[in-house]
Amino acid sequence: MRKVNALIMASMLALSTSAVLAADAKPDELNSSPVAMSHRETMKLNAMQQHGMFDGLNLTEKQRQQMRDLMSQNYHDAMPKMYVDNMEAMHKLIIADKFDESAALAQAETIAKARIERQVASAKVNNQLYNLLTPEQKTKFNQNHEEMMGKMQKNLDRMQKYQEPNPQ
C-alpha cells in the first residue's frame, strides 16, 4: 500500500506542476500565451485545469508568468531524448535472440535512477511554485490537496474492495 501511495503522490506532484500554466486561464489565454504551446500541450493544460492543485487560487498575471518561467527553466533539458534512448535500449534487450538479464537489470536501474532524479527536480520546482503563492493562496492550495487526497483514498478503497476475495 505504501508503494501505491508513493506512486500516487509522485504522479500528483508531476501533474500539479503542469496545472500551474492552466490555473485561472481561459482556453483563449492559453493559446495566446507568450510561451509557444503545441496543440497537445494545450489539451494537456486544459485537462490539468480541471484537476490541478492550483485551481481556484486566483493567480495574478505576474505569478502565472513567474510560474511559466520556472517551468520552462527546469524542463528544457534532455529528458525526452533520454526517455526515448532508454526505451530503445530496453527494446533491443527484448528483441535479442538470447535474453541478457544482467543488461536488462542495468537498464532498469538506469531508468529508475532517471525517474528518481526527475521526481526530485519536480519536487524542487513544486516547492518554488508553492513559495510564489500568497498565504491565502497557500491555504487554498492545501485545501485542494486535502480534497484530492480524500478522492484518491476513496478510489483506492473502492479498488481494494474489488481485489479482495468474495467470502462465501
Protein backbone atom coordinates (compact mmCIF):
# COMPACT_ATOMS: atom_id res chain seq x y z
CA MET A 1 0.00 0.00 0.00
CA ARG A 2 2.89 2.36 0.72
CA LYS A 3 4.23 1.88 -2.79
CA VAL A 4 0.83 2.69 -4.26
CA ASN A 5 0.55 5.81 -2.11
CA ALA A 6 4.08 6.88 -3.06
CA LEU A 7 3.27 6.36 -6.74
CA ILE A 8 0.08 8.37 -6.43
CA MET A 9 1.87 11.19 -4.64
CA ALA A 10 4.62 11.24 -7.27
CA SER A 11 2.03 11.36 -10.04
CA MET A 12 0.15 14.10 -8.24
CA LEU A 13 3.30 16.21 -7.96
CA ALA A 14 4.07 15.78 -11.62
CA LEU A 15 0.52 16.68 -12.59
CA SER A 16 0.31 19.67 -10.32
CA THR A 17 3.27 21.36 -11.98
CA SER A 18 1.54 21.13 -15.34
CA ALA A 19 -1.58 22.60 -13.82
CA VAL A 20 0.24 25.82 -12.96
CA LEU A 21 0.13 27.02 -16.52
CA ALA A 22 -3.56 26.29 -16.79
CA ALA A 23 -4.61 27.76 -13.46
CA ASP A 24 -7.07 30.59 -13.78
CA ALA A 25 -6.50 30.79 -17.53
CA LYS A 26 -9.17 30.59 -20.19
CA PRO A 27 -8.55 28.45 -23.28
CA ASP A 28 -8.06 31.54 -25.47
CA GLU A 29 -5.46 32.88 -22.99
CA LEU A 30 -3.60 29.59 -23.17
CA ASN A 31 -3.43 29.77 -26.93
CA SER A 32 -2.19 33.36 -26.93
CA SER A 33 0.43 32.73 -24.23
CA PRO A 34 3.91 34.12 -24.88
CA VAL A 35 5.17 30.60 -24.31
CA ALA A 36 4.53 28.75 -27.57
CA MET A 37 2.50 25.59 -26.95
CA SER A 38 1.64 22.73 -29.23
CA HIS A 39 -1.92 21.53 -29.59
CA ARG A 40 -1.05 18.53 -27.39
CA GLU A 41 0.34 20.77 -24.64
CA THR A 42 -2.75 22.99 -24.80
CA MET A 43 -5.02 19.94 -24.50
CA LYS A 44 -2.97 18.69 -21.55
CA LEU A 45 -3.17 22.08 -19.85
CA ASN A 46 -6.92 22.21 -20.34
CA ALA A 47 -7.23 18.79 -18.72
CA MET A 48 -4.94 19.83 -15.89
CA GLN A 49 -7.03 22.93 -15.26
CA GLN A 50 -9.88 20.66 -14.22
CA HIS A 51 -7.76 18.60 -11.80
CA GLY A 52 -4.94 20.92 -10.81
CA MET A 53 -3.81 21.81 -7.34
CA PHE A 54 -3.61 25.45 -8.44
CA ASP A 55 -7.31 25.65 -9.30
CA GLY A 56 -9.23 28.45 -7.67
CA LEU A 57 -6.15 30.29 -6.43
CA ASN A 58 -6.82 33.43 -8.49
CA LEU A 59 -3.21 33.74 -9.57
CA THR A 60 -2.07 37.14 -10.75
CA GLU A 61 -0.62 37.51 -14.21
CA LYS A 62 2.79 38.13 -12.59
CA GLN A 63 2.52 34.86 -10.63
CA ARG A 64 1.49 32.93 -13.74
CA GLN A 65 4.41 34.38 -15.67
CA GLN A 66 6.84 33.56 -12.84
CA MET A 67 5.50 30.02 -12.76
CA ARG A 68 5.78 29.66 -16.54
CA ASP A 69 9.37 30.91 -16.33
CA LEU A 70 10.22 28.43 -13.57
CA MET A 71 8.68 25.59 -15.53
CA SER A 72 10.48 26.45 -18.75
CA GLN A 73 13.82 26.89 -16.96
CA ASN A 74 13.53 23.49 -15.34
CA TYR A 75 12.08 21.43 -18.17
CA HIS A 76 14.25 22.44 -21.12
CA ASP A 77 16.63 19.56 -20.67
CA ALA A 78 17.50 16.29 -22.36
CA MET A 79 14.87 14.25 -20.51
CA PRO A 80 12.63 13.48 -23.52
CA LYS A 81 15.64 12.27 -25.52
CA MET A 82 16.81 10.24 -22.54
CA TYR A 83 13.40 8.55 -22.27
CA VAL A 84 13.50 7.63 -25.94
CA ASP A 85 17.06 6.31 -25.59
CA ASN A 86 16.07 4.21 -22.57
CA MET A 87 13.04 2.79 -24.37
CA GLU A 88 15.18 1.94 -27.38
CA ALA A 89 17.82 0.23 -25.22
CA MET A 90 15.15 -1.84 -23.47
CA HIS A 91 13.56 -2.71 -26.82
CA LYS A 92 16.90 -4.07 -28.06
CA LEU A 93 17.12 -6.28 -24.98
CA ILE A 94 13.59 -7.56 -25.55
CA ILE A 95 14.11 -8.48 -29.21
CA ALA A 96 17.52 -10.07 -28.69
CA ASP A 97 17.89 -13.76 -29.59
CA LYS A 98 19.00 -14.50 -26.04
CA PHE A 99 17.77 -12.53 -23.03
CA ASP A 100 20.57 -10.83 -21.08
CA GLU A 101 19.21 -10.49 -17.55
CA SER A 102 22.17 -8.50 -16.25
CA ALA A 103 21.90 -5.98 -19.09
CA ALA A 104 18.14 -5.69 -18.51
CA LEU A 105 18.75 -5.13 -14.81
CA ALA A 106 21.36 -2.46 -15.55
CA GLN A 107 18.98 -0.74 -17.99
CA ALA A 108 16.12 -0.90 -15.47
CA GLU A 109 18.40 0.67 -12.85
CA THR A 110 19.33 3.45 -15.29
CA ILE A 111 15.65 4.12 -15.94
CA ALA A 112 14.84 4.07 -12.21
CA LYS A 113 17.68 6.47 -11.43
CA ALA A 114 16.48 8.88 -14.13
CA ARG A 115 12.95 8.74 -12.72
CA ILE A 116 14.22 9.46 -9.22
CA GLU A 117 16.24 12.44 -10.46
CA ARG A 118 13.17 13.70 -12.33
CA GLN A 119 10.97 13.35 -9.22
CA VAL A 120 13.47 15.29 -7.12
CA ALA A 121 13.65 18.02 -9.75
CA SER A 122 9.86 18.10 -9.92
CA ALA A 123 9.57 18.38 -6.14
CA LYS A 124 12.05 21.27 -6.17
CA VAL A 125 10.07 23.12 -8.85
CA ASN A 126 6.81 22.46 -6.97
CA ASN A 127 8.38 23.95 -3.83
CA GLN A 128 9.43 27.04 -5.78
CA LEU A 129 5.95 27.35 -7.28
CA TYR A 130 4.31 26.98 -3.88
CA ASN A 131 6.54 29.66 -2.43
CA LEU A 132 5.33 32.14 -5.06
CA LEU A 133 1.84 31.97 -3.53
CA THR A 134 0.37 34.39 -1.03
CA PRO A 135 -0.63 33.00 2.41
CA GLU A 136 -4.29 32.90 1.32
CA GLN A 137 -3.38 31.05 -1.88
CA LYS A 138 -1.28 28.58 0.14
CA THR A 139 -4.28 27.87 2.36
CA LYS A 140 -6.47 27.21 -0.71
CA PHE A 141 -3.69 25.10 -2.27
CA ASN A 142 -3.56 22.94 0.87
CA GLN A 143 -7.35 22.63 0.87
CA ASN A 144 -7.18 21.46 -2.76
CA HIS A 145 -4.53 18.93 -1.74
CA GLU A 146 -6.66 17.55 1.12
CA GLU A 147 -9.65 17.31 -1.20
CA MET A 148 -7.62 15.44 -3.83
CA MET A 149 -6.18 13.08 -1.21
CA GLY A 150 -9.69 12.29 0.02
CA LYS A 151 -10.80 11.44 -3.51
CA MET A 152 -7.70 9.30 -4.08
CA GLN A 153 -8.27 7.41 -0.84
CA LYS A 154 -11.90 6.82 -1.78
CA ASN A 155 -10.78 5.44 -5.15
CA LEU A 156 -8.12 3.24 -3.53
CA ASP A 157 -10.67 1.90 -1.06
CA ARG A 158 -13.05 1.13 -3.92
CA MET A 159 -10.29 -0.62 -5.89
CA GLN A 160 -9.22 -2.61 -2.85
CA LYS A 161 -12.81 -3.71 -2.27
CA TYR A 162 -12.84 -5.35 -5.69
CA GLN A 163 -9.45 -7.00 -5.18
CA GLU A 164 -10.50 -8.81 -2.00
CA PRO A 165 -11.78 -12.35 -2.48
CA ASN A 166 -15.52 -12.79 -2.01
CA PRO A 167 -16.21 -14.59 1.27
CA GLN A 168 -18.90 -17.16 0.52
